[in-house]
Amino acid sequence: RENCMNIKEVPQSRVVKVSWITEDIVNSK
């Protein structure tokens, strides 16, 4: 999660952009 306390000090070089796929995951938990 973007507000996770454990990643506040992580260098920018280790950050990548991710996003949700909303297709075909109706039954995901």
mmCIF file of all heavy atoms, coordinates in Angstrom:
data_MODEL
# 
_entry.id   MODEL 
# 
loop_
_atom_site.group_PDB 
_atom_site.id 
_atom_site.type_symbol 
_atom_site.label_atom_id 
_atom_site.label_alt_id 
_atom_site.label_comp_id 
_atom_site.label_asym_id 
_atom_site.label_entity_id 
_atom_site.label_seq_id 
_atom_site.pdbx_PDB_ins_code 
_atom_site.Cartn_x 
_atom_site.Cartn_y 
_atom_site.Cartn_z 
_atom_site.occupancy 
_atom_site.B_iso_or_equiv 
_atom_site.pdbx_formal_charge 
_atom_site.auth_seq_id 
_atom_site.auth_comp_id 
_atom_site.auth_asym_id 
_atom_site.auth_atom_id 
_atom_site.pdbx_PDB_model_num 
ATOM 1   N N   . ARG A 1 1  ? 0.857   -1.184  0.000   1.00 0.00 ? 1  ARG A N   1 
ATOM 2   C CA  . ARG A 1 1  ? 0.000   0.000   0.000   1.00 0.00 ? 1  ARG A CA  1 
ATOM 3   C C   . ARG A 1 1  ? 0.894   1.235   0.000   1.00 0.00 ? 1  ARG A C   1 
ATOM 4   O O   . ARG A 1 1  ? 1.980   1.215   0.586   1.00 0.00 ? 1  ARG A O   1 
ATOM 5   C CB  . ARG A 1 1  ? -0.902  0.009   1.241   1.00 0.00 ? 1  ARG A CB  1 
ATOM 6   C CG  . ARG A 1 1  ? -2.082  -0.936  1.102   1.00 0.00 ? 1  ARG A CG  1 
ATOM 7   C CD  . ARG A 1 1  ? -2.619  -1.451  2.414   1.00 0.00 ? 1  ARG A CD  1 
ATOM 8   N NE  . ARG A 1 1  ? -2.952  -0.389  3.360   1.00 0.00 ? 1  ARG A NE  1 
ATOM 9   C CZ  . ARG A 1 1  ? -3.227  -0.601  4.644   1.00 0.00 ? 1  ARG A CZ  1 
ATOM 10  N NH1 . ARG A 1 1  ? -3.190  -1.835  5.129   1.00 0.00 ? 1  ARG A NH1 1 
ATOM 11  N NH2 . ARG A 1 1  ? -3.529  0.388   5.449   1.00 0.00 ? 1  ARG A NH2 1 
ATOM 12  N N   . GLU A 1 2  ? 0.432   2.291   -0.659  1.00 0.00 ? 2  GLU A N   1 
ATOM 13  C CA  . GLU A 1 2  ? 1.272   3.491   -0.781  1.00 0.00 ? 2  GLU A CA  1 
ATOM 14  C C   . GLU A 1 2  ? 1.607   4.111   0.575   1.00 0.00 ? 2  GLU A C   1 
ATOM 15  O O   . GLU A 1 2  ? 2.624   4.764   0.729   1.00 0.00 ? 2  GLU A O   1 
ATOM 16  C CB  . GLU A 1 2  ? 0.574   4.536   -1.668  1.00 0.00 ? 2  GLU A CB  1 
ATOM 17  C CG  . GLU A 1 2  ? 0.716   4.244   -3.155  1.00 0.00 ? 2  GLU A CG  1 
ATOM 18  C CD  . GLU A 1 2  ? 0.286   5.425   -4.009  1.00 0.00 ? 2  GLU A CD  1 
ATOM 19  O OE1 . GLU A 1 2  ? -0.285  6.383   -3.450  1.00 0.00 ? 2  GLU A OE1 1 
ATOM 20  O OE2 . GLU A 1 2  ? 0.511   5.380   -5.233  1.00 0.00 ? 2  GLU A OE2 1 
ATOM 21  N N   . ASN A 1 3  ? 0.716   3.923   1.582   1.00 0.00 ? 3  ASN A N   1 
ATOM 22  C CA  . ASN A 1 3  ? 0.967   4.517   2.898   1.00 0.00 ? 3  ASN A CA  1 
ATOM 23  C C   . ASN A 1 3  ? 1.674   3.561   3.850   1.00 0.00 ? 3  ASN A C   1 
ATOM 24  O O   . ASN A 1 3  ? 1.728   3.798   5.054   1.00 0.00 ? 3  ASN A O   1 
ATOM 25  C CB  . ASN A 1 3  ? -0.341  4.992   3.536   1.00 0.00 ? 3  ASN A CB  1 
ATOM 26  C CG  . ASN A 1 3  ? -1.338  3.858   3.721   1.00 0.00 ? 3  ASN A CG  1 
ATOM 27  O OD1 . ASN A 1 3  ? -1.074  2.727   3.332   1.00 0.00 ? 3  ASN A OD1 1 
ATOM 28  N ND2 . ASN A 1 3  ? -2.482  4.166   4.308   1.00 0.00 ? 3  ASN A ND2 1 
ATOM 29  N N   . CYS A 1 4  ? 2.238   2.463   3.324   1.00 0.00 ? 4  CYS A N   1 
ATOM 30  C CA  . CYS A 1 4  ? 2.945   1.493   4.164   1.00 0.00 ? 4  CYS A CA  1 
ATOM 31  C C   . CYS A 1 4  ? 4.162   2.162   4.815   1.00 0.00 ? 4  CYS A C   1 
ATOM 32  O O   . CYS A 1 4  ? 5.003   2.750   4.128   1.00 0.00 ? 4  CYS A O   1 
ATOM 33  C CB  . CYS A 1 4  ? 3.383   0.291   3.336   1.00 0.00 ? 4  CYS A CB  1 
ATOM 34  S SG  . CYS A 1 4  ? 4.332   -0.930  4.282   1.00 0.00 ? 4  CYS A SG  1 
ATOM 35  N N   . MET A 1 5  ? 4.276   2.035   6.152   1.00 0.00 ? 5  MET A N   1 
ATOM 36  C CA  . MET A 1 5  ? 5.372   2.670   6.883   1.00 0.00 ? 5  MET A CA  1 
ATOM 37  C C   . MET A 1 5  ? 6.733   2.071   6.521   1.00 0.00 ? 5  MET A C   1 
ATOM 38  O O   . MET A 1 5  ? 7.758   2.732   6.624   1.00 0.00 ? 5  MET A O   1 
ATOM 39  C CB  . MET A 1 5  ? 5.140   2.525   8.395   1.00 0.00 ? 5  MET A CB  1 
ATOM 40  C CG  . MET A 1 5  ? 3.929   3.273   8.930   1.00 0.00 ? 5  MET A CG  1 
ATOM 41  S SD  . MET A 1 5  ? 4.061   5.060   8.688   1.00 0.00 ? 5  MET A SD  1 
ATOM 42  C CE  . MET A 1 5  ? 5.430   5.441   9.780   1.00 0.00 ? 5  MET A CE  1 
ATOM 43  N N   . ASN A 1 6  ? 6.744   0.799   6.078   1.00 0.00 ? 6  ASN A N   1 
ATOM 44  C CA  . ASN A 1 6  ? 8.011   0.109   5.826   1.00 0.00 ? 6  ASN A CA  1 
ATOM 45  C C   . ASN A 1 6  ? 8.711   0.543   4.545   1.00 0.00 ? 6  ASN A C   1 
ATOM 46  O O   . ASN A 1 6  ? 9.839   0.113   4.286   1.00 0.00 ? 6  ASN A O   1 
ATOM 47  C CB  . ASN A 1 6  ? 7.782   -1.405  5.783   1.00 0.00 ? 6  ASN A CB  1 
ATOM 48  C CG  . ASN A 1 6  ? 7.534   -1.978  7.163   1.00 0.00 ? 6  ASN A CG  1 
ATOM 49  O OD1 . ASN A 1 6  ? 7.764   -1.319  8.159   1.00 0.00 ? 6  ASN A OD1 1 
ATOM 50  N ND2 . ASN A 1 6  ? 7.064   -3.210  7.214   1.00 0.00 ? 6  ASN A ND2 1 
ATOM 51  N N   . ILE A 1 7  ? 8.060   1.347   3.712   1.00 0.00 ? 7  ILE A N   1 
ATOM 52  C CA  . ILE A 1 7  ? 8.687   1.723   2.434   1.00 0.00 ? 7  ILE A CA  1 
ATOM 53  C C   . ILE A 1 7  ? 9.033   3.202   2.362   1.00 0.00 ? 7  ILE A C   1 
ATOM 54  O O   . ILE A 1 7  ? 9.471   3.683   1.328   1.00 0.00 ? 7  ILE A O   1 
ATOM 55  C CB  . ILE A 1 7  ? 7.771   1.351   1.240   1.00 0.00 ? 7  ILE A CB  1 
ATOM 56  C CG1 . ILE A 1 7  ? 6.459   2.154   1.288   1.00 0.00 ? 7  ILE A CG1 1 
ATOM 57  C CG2 . ILE A 1 7  ? 7.500   -0.135  1.209   1.00 0.00 ? 7  ILE A CG2 1 
ATOM 58  C CD1 . ILE A 1 7  ? 5.598   1.993   0.049   1.00 0.00 ? 7  ILE A CD1 1 
ATOM 59  N N   . LYS A 1 8  ? 8.844   3.914   3.484   1.00 0.00 ? 8  LYS A N   1 
ATOM 60  C CA  . LYS A 1 8  ? 9.075   5.362   3.446   1.00 0.00 ? 8  LYS A CA  1 
ATOM 61  C C   . LYS A 1 8  ? 10.520  5.725   3.146   1.00 0.00 ? 8  LYS A C   1 
ATOM 62  O O   . LYS A 1 8  ? 10.799  6.764   2.573   1.00 0.00 ? 8  LYS A O   1 
ATOM 63  C CB  . LYS A 1 8  ? 8.621   5.999   4.769   1.00 0.00 ? 8  LYS A CB  1 
ATOM 64  C CG  . LYS A 1 8  ? 7.113   6.019   4.928   1.00 0.00 ? 8  LYS A CG  1 
ATOM 65  C CD  . LYS A 1 8  ? 6.695   6.973   6.026   1.00 0.00 ? 8  LYS A CD  1 
ATOM 66  C CE  . LYS A 1 8  ? 5.174   7.076   6.139   1.00 0.00 ? 8  LYS A CE  1 
ATOM 67  N NZ  . LYS A 1 8  ? 4.604   7.683   4.939   1.00 0.00 ? 8  LYS A NZ  1 
ATOM 68  N N   . GLU A 1 9  ? 11.463  4.857   3.567   1.00 0.00 ? 9  GLU A N   1 
ATOM 69  C CA  . GLU A 1 9  ? 12.880  5.176   3.376   1.00 0.00 ? 9  GLU A CA  1 
ATOM 70  C C   . GLU A 1 9  ? 13.506  4.426   2.197   1.00 0.00 ? 9  GLU A C   1 
ATOM 71  O O   . GLU A 1 9  ? 14.718  4.438   2.019   1.00 0.00 ? 9  GLU A O   1 
ATOM 72  C CB  . GLU A 1 9  ? 13.646  4.833   4.663   1.00 0.00 ? 9  GLU A CB  1 
ATOM 73  C CG  . GLU A 1 9  ? 13.110  5.503   5.922   1.00 0.00 ? 9  GLU A CG  1 
ATOM 74  C CD  . GLU A 1 9  ? 13.193  7.011   5.839   1.00 0.00 ? 9  GLU A CD  1 
ATOM 75  O OE1 . GLU A 1 9  ? 14.161  7.508   5.244   1.00 0.00 ? 9  GLU A OE1 1 
ATOM 76  O OE2 . GLU A 1 9  ? 12.295  7.685   6.370   1.00 0.00 ? 9  GLU A OE2 1 
ATOM 77  N N   . VAL A 1 10 ? 12.686  3.743   1.399   1.00 0.00 ? 10 VAL A N   1 
ATOM 78  C CA  . VAL A 1 10 ? 13.216  2.961   0.270   1.00 0.00 ? 10 VAL A CA  1 
ATOM 79  C C   . VAL A 1 10 ? 13.703  3.899   -0.838  1.00 0.00 ? 10 VAL A C   1 
ATOM 80  O O   . VAL A 1 10 ? 12.985  4.831   -1.225  1.00 0.00 ? 10 VAL A O   1 
ATOM 81  C CB  . VAL A 1 10 ? 12.126  2.005   -0.283  1.00 0.00 ? 10 VAL A CB  1 
ATOM 82  C CG1 . VAL A 1 10 ? 12.592  1.346   -1.570  1.00 0.00 ? 10 VAL A CG1 1 
ATOM 83  C CG2 . VAL A 1 10 ? 11.788  0.949   0.753   1.00 0.00 ? 10 VAL A CG2 1 
ATOM 84  N N   . PRO A 1 11 ? 14.919  3.668   -1.379  1.00 0.00 ? 11 PRO A N   1 
ATOM 85  C CA  . PRO A 1 11 ? 15.433  4.534   -2.456  1.00 0.00 ? 11 PRO A CA  1 
ATOM 86  C C   . PRO A 1 11 ? 14.522  4.480   -3.685  1.00 0.00 ? 11 PRO A C   1 
ATOM 87  O O   . PRO A 1 11 ? 13.912  3.451   -3.988  1.00 0.00 ? 11 PRO A O   1 
ATOM 88  C CB  . PRO A 1 11 ? 16.807  3.926   -2.768  1.00 0.00 ? 11 PRO A CB  1 
ATOM 89  C CG  . PRO A 1 11 ? 17.180  3.140   -1.548  1.00 0.00 ? 11 PRO A CG  1 
ATOM 90  C CD  . PRO A 1 11 ? 15.903  2.652   -0.960  1.00 0.00 ? 11 PRO A CD  1 
ATOM 91  N N   . GLN A 1 12 ? 14.454  5.602   -4.400  1.00 0.00 ? 12 GLN A N   1 
ATOM 92  C CA  . GLN A 1 12 ? 13.579  5.705   -5.567  1.00 0.00 ? 12 GLN A CA  1 
ATOM 93  C C   . GLN A 1 12 ? 13.959  4.704   -6.660  1.00 0.00 ? 12 GLN A C   1 
ATOM 94  O O   . GLN A 1 12 ? 13.106  4.267   -7.447  1.00 0.00 ? 12 GLN A O   1 
ATOM 95  C CB  . GLN A 1 12 ? 13.631  7.141   -6.119  1.00 0.00 ? 12 GLN A CB  1 
ATOM 96  C CG  . GLN A 1 12 ? 12.523  7.478   -7.103  1.00 0.00 ? 12 GLN A CG  1 
ATOM 97  C CD  . GLN A 1 12 ? 11.131  7.370   -6.480  1.00 0.00 ? 12 GLN A CD  1 
ATOM 98  O OE1 . GLN A 1 12 ? 10.959  7.636   -5.306  1.00 0.00 ? 12 GLN A OE1 1 
ATOM 99  N NE2 . GLN A 1 12 ? 10.145  6.968   -7.269  1.00 0.00 ? 12 GLN A NE2 1 
ATOM 100 N N   . SER A 1 13 ? 15.228  4.299   -6.676  1.00 0.00 ? 13 SER A N   1 
ATOM 101 C CA  . SER A 1 13 ? 15.683  3.367   -7.717  1.00 0.00 ? 13 SER A CA  1 
ATOM 102 C C   . SER A 1 13 ? 15.025  2.000   -7.592  1.00 0.00 ? 13 SER A C   1 
ATOM 103 O O   . SER A 1 13 ? 15.017  1.214   -8.537  1.00 0.00 ? 13 SER A O   1 
ATOM 104 C CB  . SER A 1 13 ? 17.207  3.210   -7.639  1.00 0.00 ? 13 SER A CB  1 
ATOM 105 O OG  . SER A 1 13 ? 17.586  2.664   -6.390  1.00 0.00 ? 13 SER A OG  1 
ATOM 106 N N   . ARG A 1 14 ? 14.451  1.703   -6.436  1.00 0.00 ? 14 ARG A N   1 
ATOM 107 C CA  . ARG A 1 14 ? 13.816  0.397   -6.216  1.00 0.00 ? 14 ARG A CA  1 
ATOM 108 C C   . ARG A 1 14 ? 12.300  0.461   -6.362  1.00 0.00 ? 14 ARG A C   1 
ATOM 109 O O   . ARG A 1 14 ? 11.608  -0.536  -6.143  1.00 0.00 ? 14 ARG A O   1 
ATOM 110 C CB  . ARG A 1 14 ? 14.179  -0.126  -4.831  1.00 0.00 ? 14 ARG A CB  1 
ATOM 111 C CG  . ARG A 1 14 ? 15.661  -0.429  -4.658  1.00 0.00 ? 14 ARG A CG  1 
ATOM 112 C CD  . ARG A 1 14 ? 15.994  -0.806  -3.232  1.00 0.00 ? 14 ARG A CD  1 
ATOM 113 N NE  . ARG A 1 14 ? 15.224  -1.957  -2.798  1.00 0.00 ? 14 ARG A NE  1 
ATOM 114 C CZ  . ARG A 1 14 ? 15.025  -2.278  -1.507  1.00 0.00 ? 14 ARG A CZ  1 
ATOM 115 N NH1 . ARG A 1 14 ? 15.535  -1.507  -0.569  1.00 0.00 ? 14 ARG A NH1 1 
ATOM 116 N NH2 . ARG A 1 14 ? 14.323  -3.341  -1.185  1.00 0.00 ? 14 ARG A NH2 1 
ATOM 117 N N   . VAL A 1 15 ? 11.772  1.617   -6.713  1.00 0.00 ? 15 VAL A N   1 
ATOM 118 C CA  . VAL A 1 15 ? 10.325  1.798   -6.836  1.00 0.00 ? 15 VAL A CA  1 
ATOM 119 C C   . VAL A 1 15 ? 9.898   1.594   -8.279  1.00 0.00 ? 15 VAL A C   1 
ATOM 120 O O   . VAL A 1 15 ? 10.518  2.129   -9.204  1.00 0.00 ? 15 VAL A O   1 
ATOM 121 C CB  . VAL A 1 15 ? 9.907   3.211   -6.362  1.00 0.00 ? 15 VAL A CB  1 
ATOM 122 C CG1 . VAL A 1 15 ? 8.415   3.431   -6.585  1.00 0.00 ? 15 VAL A CG1 1 
ATOM 123 C CG2 . VAL A 1 15 ? 10.262  3.401   -4.896  1.00 0.00 ? 15 VAL A CG2 1 
ATOM 124 N N   . VAL A 1 16 ? 8.846   0.793   -8.498  1.00 0.00 ? 16 VAL A N   1 
ATOM 125 C CA  . VAL A 1 16 ? 8.287   0.616   -9.838  1.00 0.00 ? 16 VAL A CA  1 
ATOM 126 C C   . VAL A 1 16 ? 6.787   0.882   -9.790  1.00 0.00 ? 16 VAL A C   1 
ATOM 127 O O   . VAL A 1 16 ? 6.147   0.737   -8.747  1.00 0.00 ? 16 VAL A O   1 
ATOM 128 C CB  . VAL A 1 16 ? 8.549   -0.808  -10.385 1.00 0.00 ? 16 VAL A CB  1 
ATOM 129 C CG1 . VAL A 1 16 ? 10.024  -1.039  -10.611 1.00 0.00 ? 16 VAL A CG1 1 
ATOM 130 C CG2 . VAL A 1 16 ? 7.983   -1.868  -9.462  1.00 0.00 ? 16 VAL A CG2 1 
ATOM 131 N N   . LYS A 1 17 ? 6.244   1.271   -10.926 1.00 0.00 ? 17 LYS A N   1 
ATOM 132 C CA  . LYS A 1 17 ? 4.824   1.587   -11.014 1.00 0.00 ? 17 LYS A CA  1 
ATOM 133 C C   . LYS A 1 17 ? 4.015   0.305   -11.190 1.00 0.00 ? 17 LYS A C   1 
ATOM 134 O O   . LYS A 1 17 ? 4.320   -0.527  -12.037 1.00 0.00 ? 17 LYS A O   1 
ATOM 135 C CB  . LYS A 1 17 ? 4.568   2.540   -12.184 1.00 0.00 ? 17 LYS A CB  1 
ATOM 136 C CG  . LYS A 1 17 ? 3.135   3.028   -12.281 1.00 0.00 ? 17 LYS A CG  1 
ATOM 137 C CD  . LYS A 1 17 ? 2.974   4.006   -13.431 1.00 0.00 ? 17 LYS A CD  1 
ATOM 138 C CE  . LYS A 1 17 ? 1.520   4.476   -13.536 1.00 0.00 ? 17 LYS A CE  1 
ATOM 139 N NZ  . LYS A 1 17 ? 1.332   5.412   -14.673 1.00 0.00 ? 17 LYS A NZ  1 
ATOM 140 N N   . VAL A 1 18 ? 2.999   0.128   -10.378 1.00 0.00 ? 18 VAL A N   1 
ATOM 141 C CA  . VAL A 1 18 ? 2.106   -1.032  -10.500 1.00 0.00 ? 18 VAL A CA  1 
ATOM 142 C C   . VAL A 1 18 ? 0.665   -0.547  -10.482 1.00 0.00 ? 18 VAL A C   1 
ATOM 143 O O   . VAL A 1 18 ? 0.361   0.525   -9.956  1.00 0.00 ? 18 VAL A O   1 
ATOM 144 C CB  . VAL A 1 18 ? 2.330   -2.050  -9.354  1.00 0.00 ? 18 VAL A CB  1 
ATOM 145 C CG1 . VAL A 1 18 ? 3.701   -2.678  -9.437  1.00 0.00 ? 18 VAL A CG1 1 
ATOM 146 C CG2 . VAL A 1 18 ? 2.116   -1.408  -7.994  1.00 0.00 ? 18 VAL A CG2 1 
ATOM 147 N N   . SER A 1 19 ? -0.218  -1.344  -11.064 1.00 0.00 ? 19 SER A N   1 
ATOM 148 C CA  . SER A 1 19 ? -1.643  -0.990  -11.082 1.00 0.00 ? 19 SER A CA  1 
ATOM 149 C C   . SER A 1 19 ? -2.480  -2.258  -11.098 1.00 0.00 ? 19 SER A C   1 
ATOM 150 O O   . SER A 1 19 ? -2.006  -3.336  -11.453 1.00 0.00 ? 19 SER A O   1 
ATOM 151 C CB  . SER A 1 19 ? -1.962  -0.115  -12.303 1.00 0.00 ? 19 SER A CB  1 
ATOM 152 O OG  . SER A 1 19 ? -1.623  -0.801  -13.502 1.00 0.00 ? 19 SER A OG  1 
ATOM 153 N N   . TRP A 1 20 ? -3.739  -2.109  -10.679 1.00 0.00 ? 20 TRP A N   1 
ATOM 154 C CA  . TRP A 1 20 ? -4.638  -3.263  -10.609 1.00 0.00 ? 20 TRP A CA  1 
ATOM 155 C C   . TRP A 1 20 ? -5.217  -3.602  -11.987 1.00 0.00 ? 20 TRP A C   1 
ATOM 156 O O   . TRP A 1 20 ? -5.483  -2.725  -12.792 1.00 0.00 ? 20 TRP A O   1 
ATOM 157 C CB  . TRP A 1 20 ? -5.808  -2.968  -9.658  1.00 0.00 ? 20 TRP A CB  1 
ATOM 158 C CG  . TRP A 1 20 ? -5.421  -2.778  -8.233  1.00 0.00 ? 20 TRP A CG  1 
ATOM 159 C CD1 . TRP A 1 20 ? -5.325  -1.599  -7.565  1.00 0.00 ? 20 TRP A CD1 1 
ATOM 160 C CD2 . TRP A 1 20 ? -5.096  -3.793  -7.289  1.00 0.00 ? 20 TRP A CD2 1 
ATOM 161 N NE1 . TRP A 1 20 ? -4.950  -1.796  -6.269  1.00 0.00 ? 20 TRP A NE1 1 
ATOM 162 C CE2 . TRP A 1 20 ? -4.800  -3.155  -6.054  1.00 0.00 ? 20 TRP A CE2 1 
ATOM 163 C CE3 . TRP A 1 20 ? -5.008  -5.180  -7.349  1.00 0.00 ? 20 TRP A CE3 1 
ATOM 164 C CZ2 . TRP A 1 20 ? -4.444  -3.844  -4.920  1.00 0.00 ? 20 TRP A CZ2 1 
ATOM 165 C CZ3 . TRP A 1 20 ? -4.653  -5.878  -6.209  1.00 0.00 ? 20 TRP A CZ3 1 
ATOM 166 C CH2 . TRP A 1 20 ? -4.365  -5.220  -5.012  1.00 0.00 ? 20 TRP A CH2 1 
ATOM 167 N N   . ILE A 1 21 ? -5.416  -4.925  -12.226 1.00 0.00 ? 21 ILE A N   1 
ATOM 168 C CA  . ILE A 1 21 ? -6.226  -5.390  -13.354 1.00 0.00 ? 21 ILE A CA  1 
ATOM 169 C C   . ILE A 1 21 ? -7.573  -5.776  -12.766 1.00 0.00 ? 21 ILE A C   1 
ATOM 170 O O   . ILE A 1 21 ? -7.626  -6.496  -11.774 1.00 0.00 ? 21 ILE A O   1 
ATOM 171 C CB  . ILE A 1 21 ? -5.618  -6.647  -14.016 1.00 0.00 ? 21 ILE A CB  1 
ATOM 172 C CG1 . ILE A 1 21 ? -4.164  -6.410  -14.401 1.00 0.00 ? 21 ILE A CG1 1 
ATOM 173 C CG2 . ILE A 1 21 ? -6.446  -7.078  -15.212 1.00 0.00 ? 21 ILE A CG2 1 
ATOM 174 C CD1 . ILE A 1 21 ? -3.468  -7.667  -14.882 1.00 0.00 ? 21 ILE A CD1 1 
ATOM 175 N N   . THR A 1 22 ? -8.635  -5.298  -13.341 1.00 0.00 ? 22 THR A N   1 
ATOM 176 C CA  . THR A 1 22 ? -9.956  -5.595  -12.773 1.00 0.00 ? 22 THR A CA  1 
ATOM 177 C C   . THR A 1 22 ? -10.702 -6.663  -13.547 1.00 0.00 ? 22 THR A C   1 
ATOM 178 O O   . THR A 1 22 ? -11.821 -7.033  -13.196 1.00 0.00 ? 22 THR A O   1 
ATOM 179 C CB  . THR A 1 22 ? -10.807 -4.313  -12.731 1.00 0.00 ? 22 THR A CB  1 
ATOM 180 O OG1 . THR A 1 22 ? -10.879 -3.767  -14.052 1.00 0.00 ? 22 THR A OG1 1 
ATOM 181 C CG2 . THR A 1 22 ? -10.215 -3.298  -11.782 1.00 0.00 ? 22 THR A CG2 1 
ATOM 182 N N   . GLU A 1 23 ? -10.088 -7.174  -14.633 1.00 0.00 ? 23 GLU A N   1 
ATOM 183 C CA  . GLU A 1 23 ? -10.750 -8.207  -15.432 1.00 0.00 ? 23 GLU A CA  1 
ATOM 184 C C   . GLU A 1 23 ? -10.432 -9.598  -14.882 1.00 0.00 ? 23 GLU A C   1 
ATOM 185 O O   . GLU A 1 23 ? -9.333  -9.870  -14.424 1.00 0.00 ? 23 GLU A O   1 
ATOM 186 C CB  . GLU A 1 23 ? -10.277 -8.125  -16.892 1.00 0.00 ? 23 GLU A CB  1 
ATOM 187 C CG  . GLU A 1 23 ? -10.573 -6.786  -17.548 1.00 0.00 ? 23 GLU A CG  1 
ATOM 188 C CD  . GLU A 1 23 ? -9.909  -6.679  -18.912 1.00 0.00 ? 23 GLU A CD  1 
ATOM 189 O OE1 . GLU A 1 23 ? -9.246  -7.650  -19.319 1.00 0.00 ? 23 GLU A OE1 1 
ATOM 190 O OE2 . GLU A 1 23 ? -10.060 -5.627  -19.550 1.00 0.00 ? 23 GLU A OE2 1 
ATOM 191 N N   . ASP A 1 24 ? -11.428 -10.479 -14.978 1.00 0.00 ? 24 ASP A N   1 
ATOM 192 C CA  . ASP A 1 24 ? -11.246 -11.899 -14.664 1.00 0.00 ? 24 ASP A CA  1 
ATOM 193 C C   . ASP A 1 24 ? -10.795 -12.148 -13.225 1.00 0.00 ? 24 ASP A C   1 
ATOM 194 O O   . ASP A 1 24 ? -10.112 -13.118 -12.940 1.00 0.00 ? 24 ASP A O   1 
ATOM 195 C CB  . ASP A 1 24 ? -10.215 -12.538 -15.614 1.00 0.00 ? 24 ASP A CB  1 
ATOM 196 C CG  . ASP A 1 24 ? -10.654 -12.403 -17.063 1.00 0.00 ? 24 ASP A CG  1 
ATOM 197 O OD1 . ASP A 1 24 ? -11.867 -12.489 -17.311 1.00 0.00 ? 24 ASP A OD1 1 
ATOM 198 O OD2 . ASP A 1 24 ? -9.769  -12.226 -17.922 1.00 0.00 ? 24 ASP A OD2 1 
ATOM 199 N N   . ILE A 1 25 ? -11.138 -11.261 -12.318 1.00 0.00 ? 25 ILE A N   1 
ATOM 200 C CA  . ILE A 1 25 ? -10.755 -11.511 -10.919 1.00 0.00 ? 25 ILE A CA  1 
ATOM 201 C C   . ILE A 1 25 ? -11.970 -11.405 -10.006 1.00 0.00 ? 25 ILE A C   1 
ATOM 202 O O   . ILE A 1 25 ? -11.873 -11.048 -8.854  1.00 0.00 ? 25 ILE A O   1 
ATOM 203 C CB  . ILE A 1 25 ? -9.657  -10.516 -10.456 1.00 0.00 ? 25 ILE A CB  1 
ATOM 204 C CG1 . ILE A 1 25 ? -10.114 -9.064  -10.655 1.00 0.00 ? 25 ILE A CG1 1 
ATOM 205 C CG2 . ILE A 1 25 ? -8.366  -10.770 -11.171 1.00 0.00 ? 25 ILE A CG2 1 
ATOM 206 C CD1 . ILE A 1 25 ? -9.192  -8.080  -10.003 1.00 0.00 ? 25 ILE A CD1 1 
ATOM 207 N N   . VAL A 1 26 ? -13.122 -11.748 -10.552 1.00 0.00 ? 26 VAL A N   1 
ATOM 208 C CA  . VAL A 1 26 ? -14.368 -11.628 -9.795  1.00 0.00 ? 26 VAL A CA  1 
ATOM 209 C C   . VAL A 1 26 ? -14.324 -12.438 -8.521  1.00 0.00 ? 26 VAL A C   1 
ATOM 210 O O   . VAL A 1 26 ? -14.814 -12.030 -7.473  1.00 0.00 ? 26 VAL A O   1 
ATOM 211 C CB  . VAL A 1 26 ? -15.572 -12.062 -10.667 1.00 0.00 ? 26 VAL A CB  1 
ATOM 212 C CG1 . VAL A 1 26 ? -16.863 -12.008 -9.865  1.00 0.00 ? 26 VAL A CG1 1 
ATOM 213 C CG2 . VAL A 1 26 ? -15.664 -11.175 -11.900 1.00 0.00 ? 26 VAL A CG2 1 
ATOM 214 N N   . ASN A 1 27 ? -13.730 -13.632 -8.580  1.00 0.00 ? 27 ASN A N   1 
ATOM 215 C CA  . ASN A 1 27 ? -13.750 -14.532 -7.431  1.00 0.00 ? 27 ASN A CA  1 
ATOM 216 C C   . ASN A 1 27 ? -12.489 -14.445 -6.568  1.00 0.00 ? 27 ASN A C   1 
ATOM 217 O O   . ASN A 1 27 ? -12.290 -15.267 -5.686  1.00 0.00 ? 27 ASN A O   1 
ATOM 218 C CB  . ASN A 1 27 ? -13.944 -15.980 -7.903  1.00 0.00 ? 27 ASN A CB  1 
ATOM 219 C CG  . ASN A 1 27 ? -15.295 -16.166 -8.579  1.00 0.00 ? 27 ASN A CG  1 
ATOM 220 O OD1 . ASN A 1 27 ? -16.290 -15.633 -8.104  1.00 0.00 ? 27 ASN A OD1 1 
ATOM 221 N ND2 . ASN A 1 27 ? -15.312 -16.917 -9.677  1.00 0.00 ? 27 ASN A ND2 1 
ATOM 222 N N   . SER A 1 28 ? -11.612 -13.490 -6.843  1.00 0.00 ? 28 SER A N   1 
ATOM 223 C CA  . SER A 1 28 ? -10.389 -13.369 -6.057  1.00 0.00 ? 28 SER A CA  1 
ATOM 224 C C   . SER A 1 28 ? -10.690 -12.883 -4.645  1.00 0.00 ? 28 SER A C   1 
ATOM 225 O O   . SER A 1 28 ? -11.615 -12.110 -4.422  1.00 0.00 ? 28 SER A O   1 
ATOM 226 C CB  . SER A 1 28 ? -9.417  -12.398 -6.733  1.00 0.00 ? 28 SER A CB  1 
ATOM 227 O OG  . SER A 1 28 ? -8.944  -12.954 -7.936  1.00 0.00 ? 28 SER A OG  1 
ATOM 228 N N   . LYS A 1 29 ? -9.889  -13.364 -3.703  1.00 0.00 ? 29 LYS A N   1 
ATOM 229 C CA  . LYS A 1 29 ? -10.004 -12.938 -2.314  1.00 0.00 ? 29 LYS A CA  1 
ATOM 230 C C   . LYS A 1 29 ? -8.677  -12.322 -1.886  1.00 0.00 ? 29 LYS A C   1 
ATOM 231 O O   . LYS A 1 29 ? -7.603  -12.793 -2.277  1.00 0.00 ? 29 LYS A O   1 
ATOM 232 C CB  . LYS A 1 29 ? -10.329 -14.125 -1.400  1.00 0.00 ? 29 LYS A CB  1 
ATOM 233 C CG  . LYS A 1 29 ? -11.712 -14.723 -1.623  1.00 0.00 ? 29 LYS A CG  1 
ATOM 234 C CD  . LYS A 1 29 ? -12.794 -13.830 -1.027  1.00 0.00 ? 29 LYS A CD  1 
ATOM 235 C CE  . LYS A 1 29 ? -14.158 -14.491 -1.130  1.00 0.00 ? 29 LYS A CE  1 
ATOM 236 N NZ  . LYS A 1 29 ? -15.223 -13.644 -0.582  1.00 0.00 ? 29 LYS A NZ  1 
# 
